[in-house]
Amino acid sequence: MSVASHLGIRLGDYDRRIRTFIPRYTALLAETAASVQLVRSRRPHIVDLGTGTGALAARCLALRPQARLTAIDADADILALARRRLARHRGRISFLTGDFDHTALPRCDAIVASLALHHLRTPAAKRRYYRRCFAALRPGGVLASGDCCPSGDAALARDQFDAWTAHLRRRYSARQTAGYFAAWADEDSYMPLGREVELLEDTGFRAEVAWRDGAFAVVLGRRR
């Protein structure tokens, strides 16, 4: 399914509409991109998983202007938008059209993702993928994922999802909001924040939570 179909929007509206879906989306991107500053290489190679329109990639390249970047996305149409957005960085970016879960990861210094890894629907699938990321990263490399990572406490998680619902209700009706959540549930799996940390540590990363706001967080895994 294309990104536009998954979200129920027109592709050209993605950058505007995503902010009506995700609370503090700009902060989520900024905190995820900040991870590339942890890499010591002068010319790091960054891999962006589920690149979308290139919003996260653009922030990473702004922070590390000498970096190379590999952008991976299964949706060729949205990747075309990323090509246009990142045109001034031409020569430093490679675009790969394919599902990131089935695309070979190049040797790299940082792997970043925003609202992408929730497509790995089971802990086993995510653990396998984190192993692949660990193997692809050079020593000292970093994996950063900005995503929905609710609390493991059921009552707190309900409060977090109520807050997320309230965010959508500023723009959409109750029926529309319920429809969006139902559609996303068909493809998305939101693992508790503590579980995300455990999975990273299980695969050899030194894990930490770089940022958190309600149900959303940026989780870091650093390769020793």
N, C-alpha and C. Protein backbone atom coordinates (compact mmCIF):
# COMPACT_ATOMS: atom_id res chain seq x y z
N MET A 1 0.84 -1.19 0.00
CA MET A 1 0.00 0.00 0.00
C MET A 1 0.88 1.25 0.00
N SER A 2 0.51 2.28 -0.79
CA SER A 2 1.26 3.51 -0.83
C SER A 2 1.06 4.30 0.47
N VAL A 3 1.98 5.23 0.73
CA VAL A 3 1.88 6.07 1.91
C VAL A 3 0.57 6.86 1.89
N ALA A 4 0.24 7.43 0.73
CA ALA A 4 -0.98 8.23 0.63
C ALA A 4 -2.22 7.39 0.93
N SER A 5 -2.26 6.18 0.40
CA SER A 5 -3.40 5.31 0.66
C SER A 5 -3.48 4.93 2.12
N HIS A 6 -2.32 4.65 2.72
CA HIS A 6 -2.28 4.25 4.13
C HIS A 6 -2.82 5.37 5.02
N LEU A 7 -2.47 6.60 4.69
CA LEU A 7 -2.91 7.73 5.50
C LEU A 7 -4.27 8.28 5.06
N GLY A 8 -4.73 7.86 3.90
CA GLY A 8 -6.01 8.36 3.40
C GLY A 8 -5.94 9.80 2.94
N ILE A 9 -4.83 10.19 2.31
CA ILE A 9 -4.64 11.57 1.86
C ILE A 9 -4.06 11.57 0.45
N ARG A 10 -4.03 12.77 -0.16
CA ARG A 10 -3.32 12.92 -1.42
C ARG A 10 -1.83 13.07 -1.13
N LEU A 11 -1.02 12.47 -1.99
CA LEU A 11 0.41 12.45 -1.75
C LEU A 11 0.99 13.86 -1.60
N GLY A 12 0.52 14.78 -2.43
CA GLY A 12 1.05 16.14 -2.37
C GLY A 12 0.73 16.86 -1.08
N ASP A 13 -0.22 16.34 -0.31
CA ASP A 13 -0.61 16.96 0.96
C ASP A 13 0.15 16.39 2.15
N TYR A 14 1.04 15.43 1.89
CA TYR A 14 1.65 14.69 3.00
C TYR A 14 2.30 15.60 4.03
N ASP A 15 3.19 16.50 3.61
CA ASP A 15 3.95 17.30 4.57
C ASP A 15 3.04 18.19 5.42
N ARG A 16 1.94 18.62 4.87
CA ARG A 16 1.01 19.44 5.65
C ARG A 16 0.14 18.58 6.56
N ARG A 17 -0.39 17.50 6.01
CA ARG A 17 -1.35 16.70 6.76
C ARG A 17 -0.71 15.87 7.86
N ILE A 18 0.56 15.46 7.70
CA ILE A 18 1.17 14.63 8.72
C ILE A 18 1.20 15.35 10.06
N ARG A 19 1.28 16.66 10.04
CA ARG A 19 1.29 17.42 11.29
C ARG A 19 -0.07 17.41 11.98
N THR A 20 -1.12 17.19 11.21
CA THR A 20 -2.44 17.08 11.83
C THR A 20 -2.66 15.69 12.42
N PHE A 21 -1.83 14.73 12.02
CA PHE A 21 -1.94 13.36 12.53
C PHE A 21 -1.02 13.11 13.73
N ILE A 22 0.19 13.66 13.69
CA ILE A 22 1.21 13.33 14.68
C ILE A 22 1.52 14.55 15.56
N PRO A 23 1.25 14.46 16.86
CA PRO A 23 1.57 15.59 17.75
C PRO A 23 3.08 15.88 17.75
N ARG A 24 3.41 17.15 17.70
CA ARG A 24 4.81 17.60 17.76
C ARG A 24 5.69 16.87 16.74
N TYR A 25 5.16 16.76 15.54
CA TYR A 25 5.88 16.08 14.46
C TYR A 25 7.23 16.74 14.18
N THR A 26 7.27 18.07 14.18
CA THR A 26 8.52 18.78 13.89
C THR A 26 9.58 18.45 14.94
N ALA A 27 9.18 18.39 16.20
CA ALA A 27 10.13 18.05 17.27
C ALA A 27 10.61 16.62 17.12
N LEU A 28 9.72 15.72 16.74
CA LEU A 28 10.10 14.32 16.52
C LEU A 28 11.19 14.22 15.46
N LEU A 29 11.00 14.94 14.34
CA LEU A 29 12.01 14.93 13.29
C LEU A 29 13.34 15.51 13.78
N ALA A 30 13.26 16.65 14.47
CA ALA A 30 14.48 17.33 14.92
C ALA A 30 15.27 16.46 15.89
N GLU A 31 14.57 15.81 16.81
CA GLU A 31 15.28 14.98 17.80
C GLU A 31 15.85 13.72 17.17
N THR A 32 15.16 13.18 16.16
CA THR A 32 15.70 12.01 15.47
C THR A 32 16.94 12.40 14.67
N ALA A 33 16.86 13.50 13.95
CA ALA A 33 18.00 13.96 13.15
C ALA A 33 19.21 14.29 14.01
N ALA A 34 18.98 14.78 15.23
CA ALA A 34 20.09 15.17 16.11
C ALA A 34 21.03 14.01 16.38
N SER A 35 20.55 12.79 16.21
CA SER A 35 21.39 11.62 16.48
C SER A 35 22.63 11.58 15.59
N VAL A 36 22.56 12.15 14.39
CA VAL A 36 23.71 12.06 13.49
C VAL A 36 24.89 12.89 14.00
N GLN A 37 24.64 13.79 14.93
CA GLN A 37 25.73 14.57 15.50
C GLN A 37 26.58 13.74 16.47
N LEU A 38 26.07 12.57 16.84
CA LEU A 38 26.82 11.70 17.74
C LEU A 38 27.92 10.93 17.01
N VAL A 39 27.85 10.89 15.69
CA VAL A 39 28.80 10.13 14.89
C VAL A 39 30.07 10.96 14.71
N ARG A 40 31.22 10.33 14.95
CA ARG A 40 32.48 11.07 14.92
C ARG A 40 33.07 11.22 13.53
N SER A 41 32.70 10.38 12.60
CA SER A 41 33.26 10.46 11.25
C SER A 41 33.01 11.84 10.65
N ARG A 42 34.01 12.37 9.95
CA ARG A 42 33.87 13.69 9.32
C ARG A 42 32.90 13.63 8.16
N ARG A 43 32.86 12.50 7.47
CA ARG A 43 31.96 12.34 6.33
C ARG A 43 31.13 11.07 6.51
N PRO A 44 30.20 11.12 7.43
CA PRO A 44 29.45 9.91 7.75
C PRO A 44 28.52 9.48 6.61
N HIS A 45 28.25 8.20 6.58
CA HIS A 45 27.26 7.65 5.66
C HIS A 45 26.00 7.39 6.49
N ILE A 46 24.91 8.04 6.11
CA ILE A 46 23.63 7.94 6.82
C ILE A 46 22.66 7.15 5.97
N VAL A 47 21.91 6.24 6.58
CA VAL A 47 20.85 5.51 5.90
C VAL A 47 19.52 5.95 6.50
N ASP A 48 18.60 6.39 5.65
CA ASP A 48 17.28 6.82 6.09
C ASP A 48 16.25 5.78 5.67
N LEU A 49 15.63 5.14 6.64
CA LEU A 49 14.66 4.07 6.38
C LEU A 49 13.25 4.65 6.25
N GLY A 50 12.57 4.31 5.15
CA GLY A 50 11.24 4.85 4.94
C GLY A 50 11.30 6.36 4.76
N THR A 51 12.08 6.79 3.80
CA THR A 51 12.43 8.21 3.62
C THR A 51 11.22 9.12 3.46
N GLY A 52 10.17 8.63 2.83
CA GLY A 52 9.01 9.50 2.60
C GLY A 52 9.36 10.67 1.71
N THR A 53 8.93 11.86 2.10
CA THR A 53 9.19 13.05 1.29
C THR A 53 10.57 13.64 1.53
N GLY A 54 11.37 13.01 2.39
CA GLY A 54 12.74 13.47 2.62
C GLY A 54 12.90 14.48 3.73
N ALA A 55 11.87 14.65 4.57
CA ALA A 55 11.94 15.66 5.63
C ALA A 55 13.05 15.34 6.63
N LEU A 56 13.15 14.09 7.05
CA LEU A 56 14.19 13.71 8.00
C LEU A 56 15.56 13.75 7.34
N ALA A 57 15.66 13.27 6.12
CA ALA A 57 16.93 13.29 5.40
C ALA A 57 17.47 14.72 5.27
N ALA A 58 16.59 15.65 4.96
CA ALA A 58 17.00 17.05 4.80
C ALA A 58 17.58 17.60 6.10
N ARG A 59 16.97 17.25 7.22
CA ARG A 59 17.47 17.72 8.51
C ARG A 59 18.83 17.10 8.83
N CYS A 60 18.97 15.81 8.52
CA CYS A 60 20.26 15.15 8.77
C CYS A 60 21.37 15.78 7.96
N LEU A 61 21.12 16.08 6.70
CA LEU A 61 22.14 16.67 5.84
C LEU A 61 22.44 18.11 6.22
N ALA A 62 21.46 18.80 6.78
CA ALA A 62 21.72 20.16 7.26
C ALA A 62 22.66 20.14 8.46
N LEU A 63 22.52 19.12 9.30
CA LEU A 63 23.38 19.00 10.47
C LEU A 63 24.77 18.47 10.13
N ARG A 64 24.85 17.62 9.11
CA ARG A 64 26.12 17.03 8.70
C ARG A 64 26.31 17.28 7.20
N PRO A 65 26.72 18.49 6.83
CA PRO A 65 26.77 18.88 5.41
C PRO A 65 27.77 18.10 4.56
N GLN A 66 28.66 17.34 5.16
CA GLN A 66 29.60 16.55 4.37
C GLN A 66 29.19 15.07 4.30
N ALA A 67 28.02 14.76 4.83
CA ALA A 67 27.59 13.36 4.88
C ALA A 67 27.11 12.88 3.52
N ARG A 68 27.15 11.55 3.34
CA ARG A 68 26.46 10.87 2.25
C ARG A 68 25.21 10.23 2.83
N LEU A 69 24.19 10.08 2.02
CA LEU A 69 22.94 9.53 2.54
C LEU A 69 22.34 8.54 1.55
N THR A 70 21.88 7.43 2.07
CA THR A 70 21.12 6.46 1.28
C THR A 70 19.68 6.51 1.74
N ALA A 71 18.78 6.82 0.82
CA ALA A 71 17.35 6.94 1.13
C ALA A 71 16.62 5.71 0.61
N ILE A 72 15.87 5.06 1.49
CA ILE A 72 15.16 3.83 1.13
C ILE A 72 13.66 4.02 1.37
N ASP A 73 12.86 3.72 0.36
CA ASP A 73 11.40 3.76 0.54
C ASP A 73 10.76 2.86 -0.51
N ALA A 74 9.70 2.16 -0.10
CA ALA A 74 9.01 1.25 -1.00
C ALA A 74 8.08 1.97 -1.97
N ASP A 75 7.70 3.21 -1.64
CA ASP A 75 6.74 3.97 -2.44
C ASP A 75 7.50 4.85 -3.43
N ALA A 76 7.52 4.45 -4.69
CA ALA A 76 8.27 5.19 -5.71
C ALA A 76 7.74 6.61 -5.89
N ASP A 77 6.44 6.80 -5.72
CA ASP A 77 5.85 8.13 -5.91
C ASP A 77 6.31 9.10 -4.83
N ILE A 78 6.32 8.65 -3.58
CA ILE A 78 6.75 9.57 -2.51
C ILE A 78 8.26 9.78 -2.57
N LEU A 79 9.00 8.77 -3.05
CA LEU A 79 10.43 8.93 -3.19
C LEU A 79 10.76 9.98 -4.26
N ALA A 80 9.88 10.11 -5.26
CA ALA A 80 10.06 11.16 -6.27
C ALA A 80 9.96 12.54 -5.63
N LEU A 81 9.07 12.69 -4.64
CA LEU A 81 8.98 13.96 -3.91
C LEU A 81 10.27 14.21 -3.13
N ALA A 82 10.82 13.17 -2.55
CA ALA A 82 12.08 13.32 -1.82
C ALA A 82 13.21 13.74 -2.75
N ARG A 83 13.24 13.18 -3.95
CA ARG A 83 14.28 13.58 -4.92
C ARG A 83 14.21 15.07 -5.20
N ARG A 84 13.00 15.60 -5.36
CA ARG A 84 12.86 17.04 -5.62
C ARG A 84 13.27 17.86 -4.41
N ARG A 85 12.85 17.41 -3.24
CA ARG A 85 13.17 18.15 -2.03
C ARG A 85 14.68 18.21 -1.79
N LEU A 86 15.36 17.12 -2.11
CA LEU A 86 16.79 17.00 -1.81
C LEU A 86 17.67 17.25 -3.03
N ALA A 87 17.10 17.89 -4.05
CA ALA A 87 17.82 18.07 -5.32
C ALA A 87 19.14 18.80 -5.14
N ARG A 88 19.20 19.73 -4.21
CA ARG A 88 20.45 20.49 -4.05
C ARG A 88 21.58 19.65 -3.47
N HIS A 89 21.22 18.49 -2.93
CA HIS A 89 22.23 17.58 -2.39
C HIS A 89 22.61 16.48 -3.39
N ARG A 90 22.17 16.65 -4.64
CA ARG A 90 22.43 15.64 -5.67
C ARG A 90 23.93 15.32 -5.73
N GLY A 91 24.23 14.06 -5.83
CA GLY A 91 25.62 13.62 -5.82
C GLY A 91 26.04 13.06 -4.49
N ARG A 92 25.28 13.42 -3.44
CA ARG A 92 25.58 12.91 -2.10
C ARG A 92 24.53 11.92 -1.64
N ILE A 93 23.48 11.72 -2.46
CA ILE A 93 22.37 10.87 -2.04
C ILE A 93 22.15 9.74 -3.04
N SER A 94 21.92 8.55 -2.52
CA SER A 94 21.50 7.41 -3.33
C SER A 94 20.07 7.07 -2.93
N PHE A 95 19.20 6.86 -3.92
CA PHE A 95 17.80 6.53 -3.67
C PHE A 95 17.55 5.07 -4.04
N LEU A 96 17.01 4.33 -3.10
CA LEU A 96 16.70 2.92 -3.33
C LEU A 96 15.20 2.72 -3.16
N THR A 97 14.55 2.23 -4.19
CA THR A 97 13.12 1.95 -4.12
C THR A 97 12.92 0.50 -3.68
N GLY A 98 12.37 0.31 -2.50
CA GLY A 98 12.15 -1.03 -1.98
C GLY A 98 11.75 -0.99 -0.53
N ASP A 99 11.13 -2.04 -0.06
CA ASP A 99 10.78 -2.20 1.34
C ASP A 99 12.06 -2.27 2.16
N PHE A 100 12.21 -1.39 3.15
CA PHE A 100 13.47 -1.37 3.88
C PHE A 100 13.75 -2.70 4.58
N ASP A 101 12.70 -3.44 4.89
CA ASP A 101 12.89 -4.72 5.56
C ASP A 101 13.50 -5.78 4.63
N HIS A 102 13.45 -5.53 3.33
CA HIS A 102 13.98 -6.50 2.37
C HIS A 102 15.05 -5.89 1.47
N THR A 103 15.57 -4.75 1.85
CA THR A 103 16.61 -4.08 1.08
C THR A 103 17.94 -4.18 1.83
N ALA A 104 18.99 -4.57 1.14
CA ALA A 104 20.30 -4.70 1.78
C ALA A 104 20.76 -3.36 2.33
N LEU A 105 21.24 -3.37 3.54
CA LEU A 105 21.74 -2.15 4.16
C LEU A 105 23.23 -2.00 3.86
N PRO A 106 23.64 -0.84 3.37
CA PRO A 106 25.07 -0.62 3.13
C PRO A 106 25.81 -0.39 4.45
N ARG A 107 27.12 -0.57 4.42
CA ARG A 107 27.94 -0.23 5.58
C ARG A 107 27.78 1.26 5.84
N CYS A 108 27.54 1.63 7.10
CA CYS A 108 27.19 3.03 7.36
C CYS A 108 27.56 3.43 8.78
N ASP A 109 27.37 4.72 9.07
CA ASP A 109 27.69 5.27 10.38
C ASP A 109 26.45 5.63 11.19
N ALA A 110 25.32 5.83 10.52
CA ALA A 110 24.08 6.16 11.21
C ALA A 110 22.90 5.62 10.41
N ILE A 111 21.91 5.14 11.12
CA ILE A 111 20.65 4.71 10.52
C ILE A 111 19.54 5.45 11.23
N VAL A 112 18.70 6.13 10.46
CA VAL A 112 17.62 6.93 11.05
C VAL A 112 16.28 6.51 10.45
N ALA A 113 15.23 6.72 11.20
CA ALA A 113 13.88 6.40 10.72
C ALA A 113 12.88 7.24 11.50
N SER A 114 11.88 7.74 10.82
CA SER A 114 10.79 8.44 11.50
C SER A 114 9.47 7.82 11.04
N LEU A 115 8.70 7.33 12.01
CA LEU A 115 7.38 6.75 11.75
C LEU A 115 7.46 5.66 10.69
N ALA A 116 8.48 4.83 10.78
CA ALA A 116 8.69 3.77 9.79
C ALA A 116 8.77 2.39 10.42
N LEU A 117 9.49 2.27 11.53
CA LEU A 117 9.75 0.94 12.07
C LEU A 117 8.52 0.31 12.72
N HIS A 118 7.44 1.07 12.87
CA HIS A 118 6.21 0.44 13.39
C HIS A 118 5.60 -0.51 12.36
N HIS A 119 6.13 -0.53 11.15
CA HIS A 119 5.67 -1.51 10.15
C HIS A 119 6.26 -2.90 10.40
N LEU A 120 7.23 -3.00 11.28
CA LEU A 120 7.72 -4.29 11.74
C LEU A 120 6.81 -4.72 12.88
N ARG A 121 5.91 -5.63 12.59
CA ARG A 121 4.74 -5.80 13.45
C ARG A 121 4.94 -6.67 14.68
N THR A 122 6.01 -7.45 14.76
CA THR A 122 6.20 -8.32 15.92
C THR A 122 7.56 -8.07 16.55
N PRO A 123 7.70 -8.37 17.85
CA PRO A 123 9.01 -8.22 18.48
C PRO A 123 10.09 -9.04 17.77
N ALA A 124 9.74 -10.23 17.31
CA ALA A 124 10.73 -11.07 16.63
C ALA A 124 11.21 -10.42 15.34
N ALA A 125 10.27 -9.85 14.57
CA ALA A 125 10.64 -9.18 13.32
C ALA A 125 11.52 -7.97 13.59
N LYS A 126 11.17 -7.22 14.63
CA LYS A 126 11.96 -6.03 14.94
C LYS A 126 13.34 -6.42 15.46
N ARG A 127 13.42 -7.47 16.27
CA ARG A 127 14.72 -7.92 16.75
C ARG A 127 15.61 -8.34 15.59
N ARG A 128 15.04 -9.08 14.64
CA ARG A 128 15.83 -9.49 13.47
C ARG A 128 16.33 -8.27 12.71
N TYR A 129 15.47 -7.26 12.58
CA TYR A 129 15.90 -6.09 11.82
C TYR A 129 16.96 -5.30 12.59
N TYR A 130 16.83 -5.19 13.89
CA TYR A 130 17.84 -4.50 14.67
C TYR A 130 19.19 -5.22 14.56
N ARG A 131 19.16 -6.54 14.45
CA ARG A 131 20.42 -7.26 14.23
C ARG A 131 21.06 -6.85 12.91
N ARG A 132 20.23 -6.71 11.87
CA ARG A 132 20.74 -6.28 10.57
C ARG A 132 21.34 -4.88 10.67
N CYS A 133 20.67 -4.00 11.40
CA CYS A 133 21.18 -2.64 11.56
C CYS A 133 22.51 -2.65 12.31
N PHE A 134 22.57 -3.45 13.36
CA PHE A 134 23.80 -3.54 14.15
C PHE A 134 24.96 -4.00 13.27
N ALA A 135 24.70 -5.00 12.42
CA ALA A 135 25.74 -5.53 11.55
C ALA A 135 26.18 -4.50 10.50
N ALA A 136 25.26 -3.65 10.05
CA ALA A 136 25.58 -2.67 9.02
C ALA A 136 26.36 -1.48 9.56
N LEU A 137 26.16 -1.17 10.84
CA LEU A 137 26.80 0.01 11.42
C LEU A 137 28.27 -0.23 11.74
N ARG A 138 29.08 0.77 11.48
CA ARG A 138 30.47 0.72 11.92
C ARG A 138 30.53 0.94 13.42
N PRO A 139 31.62 0.52 14.08
CA PRO A 139 31.76 0.78 15.52
C PRO A 139 31.57 2.27 15.82
N GLY A 140 30.79 2.55 16.86
CA GLY A 140 30.49 3.93 17.20
C GLY A 140 29.28 4.47 16.47
N GLY A 141 28.69 3.64 15.60
CA GLY A 141 27.52 4.08 14.84
C GLY A 141 26.27 4.15 15.70
N VAL A 142 25.24 4.78 15.14
CA VAL A 142 24.02 5.00 15.89
C VAL A 142 22.79 4.68 15.06
N LEU A 143 21.80 4.08 15.70
CA LEU A 143 20.48 3.86 15.12
C LEU A 143 19.51 4.72 15.90
N ALA A 144 18.70 5.52 15.19
CA ALA A 144 17.72 6.39 15.85
C ALA A 144 16.37 6.22 15.18
N SER A 145 15.37 5.95 16.00
CA SER A 145 14.01 5.78 15.49
C SER A 145 13.06 6.68 16.25
N GLY A 146 12.36 7.55 15.53
CA GLY A 146 11.31 8.37 16.11
C GLY A 146 9.97 7.77 15.74
N ASP A 147 9.18 7.38 16.75
CA ASP A 147 7.97 6.63 16.45
C ASP A 147 7.01 6.69 17.62
N CYS A 148 5.87 6.04 17.44
CA CYS A 148 4.92 5.87 18.53
C CYS A 148 5.40 4.73 19.41
N CYS A 149 5.71 5.05 20.66
CA CYS A 149 6.21 4.06 21.62
C CYS A 149 5.48 4.30 22.94
N PRO A 150 4.28 3.82 23.08
CA PRO A 150 3.47 4.12 24.27
C PRO A 150 4.05 3.50 25.53
N SER A 151 3.51 3.92 26.64
CA SER A 151 3.92 3.36 27.92
C SER A 151 3.53 1.90 28.02
N GLY A 152 4.29 1.15 28.79
CA GLY A 152 3.93 -0.23 29.08
C GLY A 152 2.86 -0.34 30.15
N ASP A 153 2.59 0.76 30.83
CA ASP A 153 1.51 0.79 31.83
C ASP A 153 0.19 1.06 31.11
N ALA A 154 -0.79 0.17 31.27
CA ALA A 154 -2.03 0.25 30.49
C ALA A 154 -2.77 1.56 30.72
N ALA A 155 -2.84 2.02 31.97
CA ALA A 155 -3.58 3.25 32.26
C ALA A 155 -2.89 4.46 31.63
N LEU A 156 -1.56 4.52 31.75
CA LEU A 156 -0.83 5.64 31.16
C LEU A 156 -0.92 5.60 29.64
N ALA A 157 -0.85 4.40 29.06
CA ALA A 157 -0.96 4.27 27.60
C ALA A 157 -2.32 4.78 27.13
N ARG A 158 -3.39 4.48 27.88
CA ARG A 158 -4.71 4.99 27.50
C ARG A 158 -4.73 6.51 27.52
N ASP A 159 -4.11 7.10 28.54
CA ASP A 159 -4.04 8.56 28.61
C ASP A 159 -3.28 9.12 27.41
N GLN A 160 -2.20 8.45 27.04
CA GLN A 160 -1.40 8.92 25.90
C GLN A 160 -2.19 8.84 24.60
N PHE A 161 -2.94 7.76 24.40
CA PHE A 161 -3.74 7.64 23.18
C PHE A 161 -4.93 8.60 23.22
N ASP A 162 -5.44 8.90 24.39
CA ASP A 162 -6.50 9.92 24.49
C ASP A 162 -5.96 11.28 24.05
N ALA A 163 -4.72 11.58 24.45
CA ALA A 163 -4.09 12.84 24.05
C ALA A 163 -3.86 12.86 22.54
N TRP A 164 -3.46 11.73 21.98
CA TRP A 164 -3.27 11.64 20.53
C TRP A 164 -4.60 11.83 19.81
N THR A 165 -5.63 11.21 20.33
CA THR A 165 -6.97 11.39 19.75
C THR A 165 -7.40 12.85 19.80
N ALA A 166 -7.14 13.51 20.91
CA ALA A 166 -7.50 14.92 21.05
C ALA A 166 -6.77 15.77 20.02
N HIS A 167 -5.54 15.40 19.72
CA HIS A 167 -4.78 16.13 18.69
C HIS A 167 -5.48 16.03 17.34
N LEU A 168 -5.91 14.84 16.96
CA LEU A 168 -6.62 14.67 15.68
C LEU A 168 -7.96 15.40 15.69
N ARG A 169 -8.63 15.41 16.84
CA ARG A 169 -9.95 16.01 16.91
C ARG A 169 -9.91 17.53 16.72
N ARG A 170 -8.73 18.15 16.82
CA ARG A 170 -8.64 19.57 16.53
C ARG A 170 -8.93 19.85 15.06
N ARG A 171 -8.74 18.82 14.23
CA ARG A 171 -8.92 19.00 12.79
C ARG A 171 -10.03 18.10 12.22
N TYR A 172 -10.26 16.94 12.82
CA TYR A 172 -11.16 15.96 12.21
C TYR A 172 -12.32 15.62 13.15
N SER A 173 -13.38 15.13 12.57
CA SER A 173 -14.54 14.72 13.36
C SER A 173 -14.22 13.43 14.11
N ALA A 174 -15.09 13.08 15.07
CA ALA A 174 -14.90 11.83 15.82
C ALA A 174 -14.91 10.64 14.87
N ARG A 175 -15.80 10.67 13.89
CA ARG A 175 -15.89 9.56 12.94
C ARG A 175 -14.63 9.47 12.09
N GLN A 176 -14.15 10.60 11.60
CA GLN A 176 -12.93 10.59 10.79
C GLN A 176 -11.74 10.10 11.62
N THR A 177 -11.64 10.59 12.86
CA THR A 177 -10.53 10.19 13.73
C THR A 177 -10.53 8.69 13.98
N ALA A 178 -11.69 8.15 14.29
CA ALA A 178 -11.79 6.70 14.50
C ALA A 178 -11.43 5.94 13.24
N GLY A 179 -11.81 6.47 12.09
CA GLY A 179 -11.49 5.83 10.82
C GLY A 179 -10.00 5.79 10.56
N TYR A 180 -9.31 6.89 10.88
CA TYR A 180 -7.86 6.92 10.70
C TYR A 180 -7.18 5.88 11.58
N PHE A 181 -7.54 5.85 12.85
CA PHE A 181 -6.90 4.88 13.74
C PHE A 181 -7.18 3.45 13.30
N ALA A 182 -8.37 3.18 12.82
CA ALA A 182 -8.71 1.83 12.36
C ALA A 182 -7.88 1.46 11.13
N ALA A 183 -7.72 2.41 10.21
CA ALA A 183 -6.94 2.14 8.99
C ALA A 183 -5.48 1.91 9.33
N TRP A 184 -4.93 2.71 10.23
CA TRP A 184 -3.52 2.56 10.60
C TRP A 184 -3.27 1.24 11.31
N ALA A 185 -4.25 0.77 12.07
CA ALA A 185 -4.08 -0.48 12.82
C ALA A 185 -3.88 -1.67 11.90
N ASP A 186 -4.31 -1.55 10.64
CA ASP A 186 -4.14 -2.65 9.69
C ASP A 186 -2.67 -2.92 9.38
N GLU A 187 -1.82 -1.88 9.48
CA GLU A 187 -0.41 -2.04 9.09
C GLU A 187 0.57 -1.72 10.20
N ASP A 188 0.15 -0.97 11.21
CA ASP A 188 1.08 -0.44 12.21
C ASP A 188 1.01 -1.21 13.52
N SER A 189 2.15 -1.34 14.17
CA SER A 189 2.22 -1.98 15.48
C SER A 189 3.09 -1.11 16.38
N TYR A 190 2.51 -0.62 17.46
CA TYR A 190 3.22 0.31 18.35
C TYR A 190 3.68 -0.44 19.60
N MET A 191 4.96 -0.69 19.69
CA MET A 191 5.50 -1.43 20.83
C MET A 191 5.80 -0.49 21.98
N PRO A 192 5.56 -0.93 23.20
CA PRO A 192 5.85 -0.08 24.36
C PRO A 192 7.31 0.38 24.37
N LEU A 193 7.51 1.55 24.93
CA LEU A 193 8.85 2.15 24.93
C LEU A 193 9.87 1.24 25.62
N GLY A 194 9.50 0.66 26.75
CA GLY A 194 10.42 -0.23 27.45
C GLY A 194 10.80 -1.43 26.61
N ARG A 195 9.84 -1.94 25.83
CA ARG A 195 10.11 -3.09 24.97
C ARG A 195 11.07 -2.71 23.86
N GLU A 196 10.93 -1.51 23.31
CA GLU A 196 11.85 -1.04 22.27
C GLU A 196 13.28 -1.02 22.80
N VAL A 197 13.44 -0.50 24.01
CA VAL A 197 14.77 -0.44 24.62
C VAL A 197 15.32 -1.85 24.81
N GLU A 198 14.48 -2.77 25.28
CA GLU A 198 14.91 -4.15 25.49
C GLU A 198 15.36 -4.79 24.17
N LEU A 199 14.61 -4.57 23.12
CA LEU A 199 14.95 -5.18 21.83
C LEU A 199 16.28 -4.67 21.32
N LEU A 200 16.53 -3.38 21.48
CA LEU A 200 17.81 -2.83 21.06
C LEU A 200 18.95 -3.44 21.87
N GLU A 201 18.76 -3.54 23.17
CA GLU A 201 19.81 -4.10 24.01
C GLU A 201 20.02 -5.58 23.75
N ASP A 202 18.94 -6.28 23.40
CA ASP A 202 19.05 -7.70 23.07
C ASP A 202 19.97 -7.94 21.88
N THR A 203 20.03 -6.96 20.98
CA THR A 203 20.82 -7.13 19.76
C THR A 203 22.21 -6.48 19.85
N GLY A 204 22.59 -6.06 21.04
CA GLY A 204 23.95 -5.58 21.25
C GLY A 204 24.11 -4.07 21.35
N PHE A 205 23.04 -3.31 21.11
CA PHE A 205 23.13 -1.85 21.20
C PHE A 205 23.16 -1.39 22.66
N ARG A 206 23.76 -0.25 22.89
CA ARG A 206 23.57 0.48 24.13
C ARG A 206 22.39 1.42 23.89
N ALA A 207 21.28 1.18 24.54
CA ALA A 207 20.04 1.87 24.21
C ALA A 207 19.72 2.98 25.21
N GLU A 208 19.07 4.01 24.70
CA GLU A 208 18.60 5.09 25.55
C GLU A 208 17.44 5.80 24.88
N VAL A 209 16.68 6.52 25.67
CA VAL A 209 15.57 7.31 25.15
C VAL A 209 16.05 8.76 25.04
N ALA A 210 16.13 9.27 23.82
CA ALA A 210 16.66 10.61 23.60
C ALA A 210 15.60 11.69 23.80
N TRP A 211 14.35 11.32 23.57
CA TRP A 211 13.26 12.31 23.65
C TRP A 211 11.95 11.57 23.81
N ARG A 212 11.01 12.17 24.55
CA ARG A 212 9.71 11.55 24.72
C ARG A 212 8.66 12.62 24.93
N ASP A 213 7.53 12.45 24.28
CA ASP A 213 6.40 13.34 24.46
C ASP A 213 5.13 12.51 24.29
N GLY A 214 4.47 12.21 25.38
CA GLY A 214 3.27 11.38 25.30
C GLY A 214 3.59 10.00 24.75
N ALA A 215 2.83 9.61 23.75
CA ALA A 215 3.02 8.28 23.16
C ALA A 215 4.19 8.21 22.19
N PHE A 216 4.84 9.33 21.93
CA PHE A 216 5.89 9.37 20.91
C PHE A 216 7.27 9.54 21.56
N ALA A 217 8.26 8.94 20.92
CA ALA A 217 9.60 8.96 21.49
C ALA A 217 10.64 8.79 20.40
N VAL A 218 11.86 9.17 20.72
CA VAL A 218 13.03 8.87 19.89
C VAL A 218 13.92 7.95 20.70
N VAL A 219 14.13 6.76 20.16
CA VAL A 219 14.95 5.74 20.83
C VAL A 219 16.26 5.61 20.09
N LEU A 220 17.36 5.61 20.83
CA LEU A 220 18.69 5.51 20.25
C LEU A 220 19.32 4.16 20.59
N GLY A 221 20.01 3.60 19.63
CA GLY A 221 20.85 2.45 19.88
C GLY A 221 22.25 2.79 19.39
N ARG A 222 23.24 2.69 20.27
CA ARG A 222 24.62 3.03 19.90
C ARG A 222 25.45 1.76 19.87
N ARG A 223 26.18 1.60 18.77
CA ARG A 223 27.02 0.40 18.61
C ARG A 223 28.34 0.64 19.29
N ARG A 224 28.62 -0.17 20.29
CA ARG A 224 29.85 0.00 21.06
C ARG A 224 31.07 -0.18 20.17
